[in-house]
């Protein structure tokens, strides 16, 4: 089974950015209506598919945008 993944940019309660990523079967994604303007399935559909499919996964990766990088470097300096 071929898998596809979708990544959604989010922020936690403390304002730190991260990417929530979901993997799901490619054939399910092909049969799902796409979000207007993005050409990908919705986050709700990606979450549901990653939970339903035994091979599906979801994970969180840190964001490396300028704002997040500056914040991380400032935090490192203050603890050093």
PDB file of N, CA and C in Angstrom:
ATOM      1  N   UNK A   1       0.844  -1.171   0.000  1.00  0.00           N
ATOM      2  CA  UNK A   1       0.000   0.000   0.000  1.00  0.00           C
ATOM      3  C   UNK A   1       0.894   1.241   0.000  1.00  0.00           C
ATOM      4  N   UNK A   2       0.682   2.110  -0.965  1.00  0.00           N
ATOM      5  CA  UNK A   2       1.442   3.357  -1.029  1.00  0.00           C
ATOM      6  C   UNK A   2       0.819   4.389  -0.105  1.00  0.00           C
ATOM      7  N   UNK A   3       1.675   5.087   0.606  1.00  0.00           N
ATOM      8  CA  UNK A   3       1.191   6.074   1.574  1.00  0.00           C
ATOM      9  C   UNK A   3       1.484   7.488   1.075  1.00  0.00           C
ATOM     10  N   UNK A   4       0.658   8.395   1.490  1.00  0.00           N
ATOM     11  CA  UNK A   4       0.812   9.814   1.188  1.00  0.00           C
ATOM     12  C   UNK A   4       0.826  10.542   2.517  1.00  0.00           C
ATOM     13  N   UNK A   5       1.365  11.734   2.566  1.00  0.00           N
ATOM     14  CA  UNK A   5       1.354  12.483   3.819  1.00  0.00           C
ATOM     15  C   UNK A   5       1.006  13.934   3.564  1.00  0.00           C
ATOM     16  N   UNK A   6       0.441  14.552   4.590  1.00  0.00           N
ATOM     17  CA  UNK A   6       0.082  15.974   4.535  1.00  0.00           C
ATOM     18  C   UNK A   6       0.601  16.647   5.797  1.00  0.00           C
ATOM     19  N   UNK A   7       1.089  17.859   5.647  1.00  0.00           N
ATOM     20  CA  UNK A   7       1.680  18.601   6.761  1.00  0.00           C
ATOM     21  C   UNK A   7       0.898  19.894   6.938  1.00  0.00           C
ATOM     22  N   UNK A   8       0.538  20.196   8.185  1.00  0.00           N
ATOM     23  CA  UNK A   8      -0.254  21.389   8.501  1.00  0.00           C
ATOM     24  C   UNK A   8       0.502  22.242   9.515  1.00  0.00           C
ATOM     25  N   UNK A   9       0.649  23.516   9.214  1.00  0.00           N
ATOM     26  CA  UNK A   9       1.366  24.446  10.098  1.00  0.00           C
ATOM     27  C   UNK A   9       0.424  24.872  11.219  1.00  0.00           C
ATOM     28  N   UNK A  10       0.901  24.751  12.474  1.00  0.00           N
ATOM     29  CA  UNK A  10       0.065  25.059  13.638  1.00  0.00           C
ATOM     30  C   UNK A  10       0.898  25.774  14.694  1.00  0.00           C
ATOM     31  N   UNK A  11       0.250  26.195  15.764  1.00  0.00           N
ATOM     32  CA  UNK A  11       0.940  26.786  16.915  1.00  0.00           C
ATOM     33  C   UNK A  11       0.328  26.205  18.180  1.00  0.00           C
ATOM     34  N   UNK A  12       1.191  25.958  19.175  1.00  0.00           N
ATOM     35  CA  UNK A  12       0.686  25.411  20.432  1.00  0.00           C
ATOM     36  C   UNK A  12       0.189  26.543  21.335  1.00  0.00           C
ATOM     37  N   UNK A  13      -0.215  26.211  22.540  1.00  0.00           N
ATOM     38  CA  UNK A  13      -0.776  27.196  23.473  1.00  0.00           C
ATOM     39  C   UNK A  13       0.230  28.280  23.854  1.00  0.00           C
ATOM     40  N   UNK A  14       1.532  27.958  23.743  1.00  0.00           N
ATOM     41  CA  UNK A  14       2.570  28.933  24.078  1.00  0.00           C
ATOM     42  C   UNK A  14       3.012  29.756  22.881  1.00  0.00           C
ATOM     43  N   UNK A  15       2.392  29.540  21.733  1.00  0.00           N
ATOM     44  CA  UNK A  15       2.723  30.305  20.537  1.00  0.00           C
ATOM     45  C   UNK A  15       3.857  29.725  19.710  1.00  0.00           C
ATOM     46  N   UNK A  16       4.410  28.576  20.121  1.00  0.00           N
ATOM     47  CA  UNK A  16       5.472  27.945  19.340  1.00  0.00           C
ATOM     48  C   UNK A  16       4.866  27.253  18.122  1.00  0.00           C
ATOM     49  N   UNK A  17       5.488  27.460  16.977  1.00  0.00           N
ATOM     50  CA  UNK A  17       5.012  26.855  15.740  1.00  0.00           C
ATOM     51  C   UNK A  17       5.516  25.424  15.611  1.00  0.00           C
ATOM     52  N   UNK A  18       4.745  24.615  14.916  1.00  0.00           N
ATOM     53  CA  UNK A  18       5.155  23.249  14.589  1.00  0.00           C
ATOM     54  C   UNK A  18       4.344  22.771  13.399  1.00  0.00           C
ATOM     55  N   UNK A  19       4.758  21.674  12.822  1.00  0.00           N
ATOM     56  CA  UNK A  19       4.018  21.044  11.734  1.00  0.00           C
ATOM     57  C   UNK A  19       3.416  19.754  12.250  1.00  0.00           C
ATOM     58  N   UNK A  20       2.108  19.621  12.102  1.00  0.00           N
ATOM     59  CA  UNK A  20       1.421  18.367  12.408  1.00  0.00           C
ATOM     60  C   UNK A  20       1.330  17.604  11.099  1.00  0.00           C
ATOM     61  N   UNK A  21       1.892  16.409  11.060  1.00  0.00           N
ATOM     62  CA  UNK A  21       1.965  15.628   9.835  1.00  0.00           C
ATOM     63  C   UNK A  21       1.183  14.330   9.996  1.00  0.00           C
ATOM     64  N   UNK A  22       0.468  13.967   8.943  1.00  0.00           N
ATOM     65  CA  UNK A  22      -0.334  12.745   8.949  1.00  0.00           C
ATOM     66  C   UNK A  22       0.032  11.916   7.722  1.00  0.00           C
ATOM     67  N   UNK A  23       0.082  10.592   7.865  1.00  0.00           N
ATOM     68  CA  UNK A  23       0.251   9.712   6.708  1.00  0.00           C
ATOM     69  C   UNK A  23      -1.003   8.844   6.586  1.00  0.00           C
ATOM     70  N   UNK A  24      -1.352   8.539   5.352  1.00  0.00           N
ATOM     71  CA  UNK A  24      -2.582   7.799   5.065  1.00  0.00           C
ATOM     72  C   UNK A  24      -2.448   7.173   3.684  1.00  0.00           C
ATOM     73  N   UNK A  25      -3.282   6.186   3.359  1.00  0.00           N
ATOM     74  CA  UNK A  25      -3.183   5.511   2.057  1.00  0.00           C
ATOM     75  C   UNK A  25      -3.438   6.465   0.883  1.00  0.00           C
ATOM     76  N   UNK A  26      -2.625   6.340  -0.135  1.00  0.00           N
ATOM     77  CA  UNK A  26      -2.716   7.193  -1.304  1.00  0.00           C
ATOM     78  C   UNK A  26      -4.058   7.040  -2.024  1.00  0.00           C
ATOM     79  N   UNK A  27      -4.592   5.819  -2.071  1.00  0.00           N
ATOM     80  CA  UNK A  27      -5.871   5.612  -2.771  1.00  0.00           C
ATOM     81  C   UNK A  27      -7.017   6.303  -2.036  1.00  0.00           C
ATOM     82  N   UNK A  28      -6.939   6.378  -0.707  1.00  0.00           N
ATOM     83  CA  UNK A  28      -7.976   7.087   0.043  1.00  0.00           C
ATOM     84  C   UNK A  28      -7.915   8.580  -0.257  1.00  0.00           C
ATOM     85  N   UNK A  29      -6.719   9.111  -0.337  1.00  0.00           N
ATOM     86  CA  UNK A  29      -6.555  10.541  -0.625  1.00  0.00           C
ATOM     87  C   UNK A  29      -7.078  10.884  -2.016  1.00  0.00           C
ATOM     88  N   UNK A  30      -6.864   9.983  -2.974  1.00  0.00           N
ATOM     89  CA  UNK A  30      -7.325  10.221  -4.341  1.00  0.00           C
ATOM     90  C   UNK A  30      -8.846  10.289  -4.410  1.00  0.00           C
ATOM     91  N   UNK A  31      -9.524   9.564  -3.527  1.00  0.00           N
ATOM     92  CA  UNK A  31     -10.987   9.522  -3.545  1.00  0.00           C
ATOM     93  C   UNK A  31     -11.621  10.606  -2.672  1.00  0.00           C
ATOM     94  N   UNK A  32     -10.813  11.414  -1.996  1.00  0.00           N
ATOM     95  CA  UNK A  32     -11.321  12.424  -1.070  1.00  0.00           C
ATOM     96  C   UNK A  32     -11.371  13.791  -1.745  1.00  0.00           C
ATOM     97  N   UNK A  33     -12.469  14.545  -1.551  1.00  0.00           N
ATOM     98  CA  UNK A  33     -12.519  15.903  -2.109  1.00  0.00           C
ATOM     99  C   UNK A  33     -11.390  16.768  -1.537  1.00  0.00           C
ATOM    100  N   UNK A  34     -10.851  17.633  -2.373  1.00  0.00           N
ATOM    101  CA  UNK A  34      -9.729  18.483  -1.979  1.00  0.00           C
ATOM    102  C   UNK A  34     -10.219  19.835  -1.483  1.00  0.00           C
ATOM    103  N   UNK A  35      -9.413  20.456  -0.621  1.00  0.00           N
ATOM    104  CA  UNK A  35      -9.708  21.791  -0.107  1.00  0.00           C
ATOM    105  C   UNK A  35      -9.540  22.810  -1.232  1.00  0.00           C
ATOM    106  N   UNK A  36     -10.478  23.737  -1.386  1.00  0.00           N
ATOM    107  CA  UNK A  36     -10.321  24.754  -2.427  1.00  0.00           C
ATOM    108  C   UNK A  36      -9.071  25.603  -2.173  1.00  0.00           C
ATOM    109  N   UNK A  37      -8.306  25.827  -3.228  1.00  0.00           N
ATOM    110  CA  UNK A  37      -7.130  26.675  -3.135  1.00  0.00           C
ATOM    111  C   UNK A  37      -5.866  25.967  -2.695  1.00  0.00           C
ATOM    112  N   UNK A  38      -5.977  24.792  -2.056  1.00  0.00           N
ATOM    113  CA  UNK A  38      -4.779  24.092  -1.596  1.00  0.00           C
ATOM    114  C   UNK A  38      -4.508  22.827  -2.408  1.00  0.00           C
ATOM    115  N   UNK A  39      -5.546  22.209  -2.927  1.00  0.00           N
ATOM    116  CA  UNK A  39      -5.371  20.993  -3.693  1.00  0.00           C
ATOM    117  C   UNK A  39      -5.051  19.771  -2.853  1.00  0.00           C
ATOM    118  N   UNK A  40      -5.293  19.847  -1.546  1.00  0.00           N
ATOM    119  CA  UNK A  40      -5.026  18.690  -0.678  1.00  0.00           C
ATOM    120  C   UNK A  40      -6.251  18.414   0.187  1.00  0.00           C
ATOM    121  N   UNK A  41      -6.257  17.264   0.825  1.00  0.00           N
ATOM    122  CA  UNK A  41      -7.399  16.913   1.669  1.00  0.00           C
ATOM    123  C   UNK A  41      -7.370  17.761   2.945  1.00  0.00           C
ATOM    124  N   UNK A  42      -8.480  17.833   3.630  1.00  0.00           N
ATOM    125  CA  UNK A  42      -8.568  18.630   4.849  1.00  0.00           C
ATOM    126  C   UNK A  42      -7.803  17.967   5.989  1.00  0.00           C
ATOM    127  N   UNK A  43      -7.484  18.747   7.001  1.00  0.00           N
ATOM    128  CA  UNK A  43      -6.782  18.189   8.154  1.00  0.00           C
ATOM    129  C   UNK A  43      -7.653  17.170   8.872  1.00  0.00           C
ATOM    130  N   UNK A  44      -8.949  17.417   8.941  1.00  0.00           N
ATOM    131  CA  UNK A  44      -9.865  16.479   9.596  1.00  0.00           C
ATOM    132  C   UNK A  44      -9.855  15.119   8.884  1.00  0.00           C
ATOM    133  N   UNK A  45      -9.863  15.135   7.548  1.00  0.00           N
ATOM    134  CA  UNK A  45      -9.813  13.883   6.782  1.00  0.00           C
ATOM    135  C   UNK A  45      -8.469  13.188   6.976  1.00  0.00           C
ATOM    136  N   UNK A  46      -7.375  13.950   6.968  1.00  0.00           N
ATOM    137  CA  UNK A  46      -6.043  13.363   7.163  1.00  0.00           C
ATOM    138  C   UNK A  46      -5.936  12.713   8.542  1.00  0.00           C
ATOM    139  N   UNK A  47      -6.451  13.381   9.561  1.00  0.00           N
ATOM    140  CA  UNK A  47      -6.437  12.829  10.914  1.00  0.00           C
ATOM    141  C   UNK A  47      -7.252  11.543  10.972  1.00  0.00           C
ATOM    142  N   UNK A  48      -8.458  11.579  10.429  1.00  0.00           N
ATOM    143  CA  UNK A  48      -9.321  10.396  10.444  1.00  0.00           C
ATOM    144  C   UNK A  48      -8.661   9.226   9.718  1.00  0.00           C
ATOM    145  N   UNK A  49      -8.095   9.477   8.545  1.00  0.00           N
ATOM    146  CA  UNK A  49      -7.450   8.406   7.784  1.00  0.00           C
ATOM    147  C   UNK A  49      -6.244   7.848   8.520  1.00  0.00           C
ATOM    148  N   UNK A  50      -5.467   8.715   9.174  1.00  0.00           N
ATOM    149  CA  UNK A  50      -4.282   8.225   9.888  1.00  0.00           C
ATOM    150  C   UNK A  50      -4.671   7.369  11.085  1.00  0.00           C
ATOM    151  N   UNK A  51      -5.847   7.617  11.652  1.00  0.00           N
ATOM    152  CA  UNK A  51      -6.321   6.810  12.776  1.00  0.00           C
ATOM    153  C   UNK A  51      -6.954   5.494  12.314  1.00  0.00           C
ATOM    154  N   UNK A  52      -7.690   5.542  11.220  1.00  0.00           N
ATOM    155  CA  UNK A  52      -8.416   4.372  10.730  1.00  0.00           C
ATOM    156  C   UNK A  52      -7.475   3.334  10.122  1.00  0.00           C
ATOM    157  N   UNK A  53      -6.494   3.798   9.358  1.00  0.00           N
ATOM    158  CA  UNK A  53      -5.584   2.888   8.661  1.00  0.00           C
ATOM    159  C   UNK A  53      -4.530   2.343   9.623  1.00  0.00           C
ATOM    160  N   UNK A  54      -4.320   1.031   9.603  1.00  0.00           N
ATOM    161  CA  UNK A  54      -3.335   0.412  10.486  1.00  0.00           C
ATOM    162  C   UNK A  54      -1.921   0.904  10.190  1.00  0.00           C
ATOM    163  N   UNK A  55      -1.646   1.299   8.949  1.00  0.00           N
ATOM    164  CA  UNK A  55      -0.314   1.781   8.570  1.00  0.00           C
ATOM    165  C   UNK A  55      -0.198   3.298   8.701  1.00  0.00           C
ATOM    166  N   UNK A  56      -1.269   3.968   9.100  1.00  0.00           N
ATOM    167  CA  UNK A  56      -1.254   5.424   9.210  1.00  0.00           C
ATOM    168  C   UNK A  56      -0.504   5.905  10.445  1.00  0.00           C
ATOM    169  N   UNK A  57       0.101   7.076  10.335  1.00  0.00           N
ATOM    170  CA  UNK A  57       0.851   7.670  11.443  1.00  0.00           C
ATOM    171  C   UNK A  57       0.533   9.147  11.532  1.00  0.00           C
ATOM    172  N   UNK A  58       0.817   9.711  12.689  1.00  0.00           N
ATOM    173  CA  UNK A  58       0.776  11.165  12.845  1.00  0.00           C
ATOM    174  C   UNK A  58       1.937  11.558  13.739  1.00  0.00           C
ATOM    175  N   UNK A  59       2.580  12.660  13.405  1.00  0.00           N
ATOM    176  CA  UNK A  59       3.719  13.112  14.184  1.00  0.00           C
ATOM    177  C   UNK A  59       3.844  14.621  14.086  1.00  0.00           C
ATOM    178  N   UNK A  60       4.647  15.170  14.969  1.00  0.00           N
ATOM    179  CA  UNK A  60       4.843  16.610  15.066  1.00  0.00           C
ATOM    180  C   UNK A  60       6.320  16.912  14.828  1.00  0.00           C
ATOM    181  N   UNK A  61       6.600  17.886  13.968  1.00  0.00           N
ATOM    182  CA  UNK A  61       7.980  18.304  13.728  1.00  0.00           C
ATOM    183  C   UNK A  61       8.100  19.795  14.017  1.00  0.00           C
ATOM    184  N   UNK A  62       9.245  20.234  14.519  1.00  0.00           N
ATOM    185  CA  UNK A  62       9.406  21.645  14.838  1.00  0.00           C
ATOM    186  C   UNK A  62       9.454  22.512  13.587  1.00  0.00           C
ATOM    187  N   UNK A  63       9.056  23.739  13.749  1.00  0.00           N
ATOM    188  CA  UNK A  63       9.098  24.725  12.670  1.00  0.00           C
ATOM    189  C   UNK A  63      10.455  25.426  12.721  1.00  0.00           C
ATOM    190  N   UNK A  64      10.991  25.764  11.565  1.00  0.00           N
ATOM    191  CA  UNK A  64      12.271  26.470  11.502  1.00  0.00           C
ATOM    192  C   UNK A  64      12.128  27.809  10.789  1.00  0.00           C
ATOM    193  N   UNK A  65      10.979  28.465  10.938  1.00  0.00           N
ATOM    194  CA  UNK A  65      10.801  29.780  10.349  1.00  0.00           C
ATOM    195  C   UNK A  65      11.683  30.777  11.105  1.00  0.00           C
ATOM    196  N   UNK A  66      11.816  31.980  10.599  1.00  0.00           N
ATOM    197  CA  UNK A  66      12.689  32.989  11.218  1.00  0.00           C
ATOM    198  C   UNK A  66      12.262  33.274  12.652  1.00  0.00           C
ATOM    199  N   UNK A  67      10.974  33.441  12.869  1.00  0.00           N
ATOM    200  CA  UNK A  67      10.472  33.737  14.218  1.00  0.00           C
ATOM    201  C   UNK A  67      10.820  32.619  15.195  1.00  0.00           C
ATOM    202  N   UNK A  68      10.628  31.371  14.784  1.00  0.00           N
ATOM    203  CA  UNK A  68      10.924  30.236  15.667  1.00  0.00           C
ATOM    204  C   UNK A  68      12.423  30.099  15.910  1.00  0.00           C
ATOM    205  N   UNK A  69      13.225  30.350  14.893  1.00  0.00           N
ATOM    206  CA  UNK A  69      14.675  30.250  15.032  1.00  0.00           C
ATOM    207  C   UNK A  69      15.200  31.305  15.991  1.00  0.00           C
ATOM    208  N   UNK A  70      14.718  32.540  15.866  1.00  0.00           N
ATOM    209  CA  UNK A  70      15.147  33.622  16.754  1.00  0.00           C
ATOM    210  C   UNK A  70      14.735  33.307  18.189  1.00  0.00           C
ATOM    211  N   UNK A  71      13.519  32.828  18.386  1.00  0.00           N
ATOM    212  CA  UNK A  71      13.036  32.487  19.722  1.00  0.00           C
ATOM    213  C   UNK A  71      13.874  31.366  20.337  1.00  0.00           C
ATOM    214  N   UNK A  72      14.194  30.342  19.554  1.00  0.00           N
ATOM    215  CA  UNK A  72      14.992  29.220  20.049  1.00  0.00           C
ATOM    216  C   UNK A  72      16.400  29.680  20.427  1.00  0.00           C
ATOM    217  N   UNK A  73      17.016  30.533  19.605  1.00  0.00           N
ATOM    218  CA  UNK A  73      18.369  31.025  19.912  1.00  0.00           C
ATOM    219  C   UNK A  73      18.353  31.907  21.152  1.00  0.00           C
ATOM    220  N   UNK A  74      17.311  32.706  21.331  1.00  0.00           N
ATOM    221  CA  UNK A  74      17.195  33.541  22.523  1.00  0.00           C
ATOM    222  C   UNK A  74      17.068  32.679  23.780  1.00  0.00           C
ATOM    223  N   UNK A  75      16.296  31.601  23.672  1.00  0.00           N
ATOM    224  CA  UNK A  75      16.118  30.696  24.803  1.00  0.00           C
ATOM    225  C   UNK A  75      17.439  30.001  25.154  1.00  0.00           C
ATOM    226  N   UNK A  76      18.220  29.633  24.133  1.00  0.00           N
ATOM    227  CA  UNK A  76      19.511  28.990  24.368  1.00  0.00           C
ATOM    228  C   UNK A  76      20.467  29.936  25.080  1.00  0.00           C
ATOM    229  N   UNK A  77      20.474  31.211  24.668  1.00  0.00           N
ATOM    230  CA  UNK A  77      21.367  32.188  25.292  1.00  0.00           C
ATOM    231  C   UNK A  77      21.002  32.455  26.742  1.00  0.00           C
ATOM    232  N   UNK A  78      19.709  32.463  27.037  1.00  0.00           N
ATOM    233  CA  UNK A  78      19.274  32.778  28.394  1.00  0.00           C
ATOM    234  C   UNK A  78      19.549  31.625  29.355  1.00  0.00           C
ATOM    235  N   UNK A  79      19.641  30.396  28.856  1.00  0.00           N
ATOM    236  CA  UNK A  79      19.918  29.260  29.727  1.00  0.00           C
ATOM    237  C   UNK A  79      21.420  28.959  29.813  1.00  0.00           C
ATOM    238  N   UNK A  80      22.207  29.533  28.940  1.00  0.00           N
ATOM    239  CA  UNK A  80      23.659  29.254  28.931  1.00  0.00           C
ATOM    240  C   UNK A  80      24.406  30.031  29.982  1.00  0.00           C
TER     241      UNK A  80
END
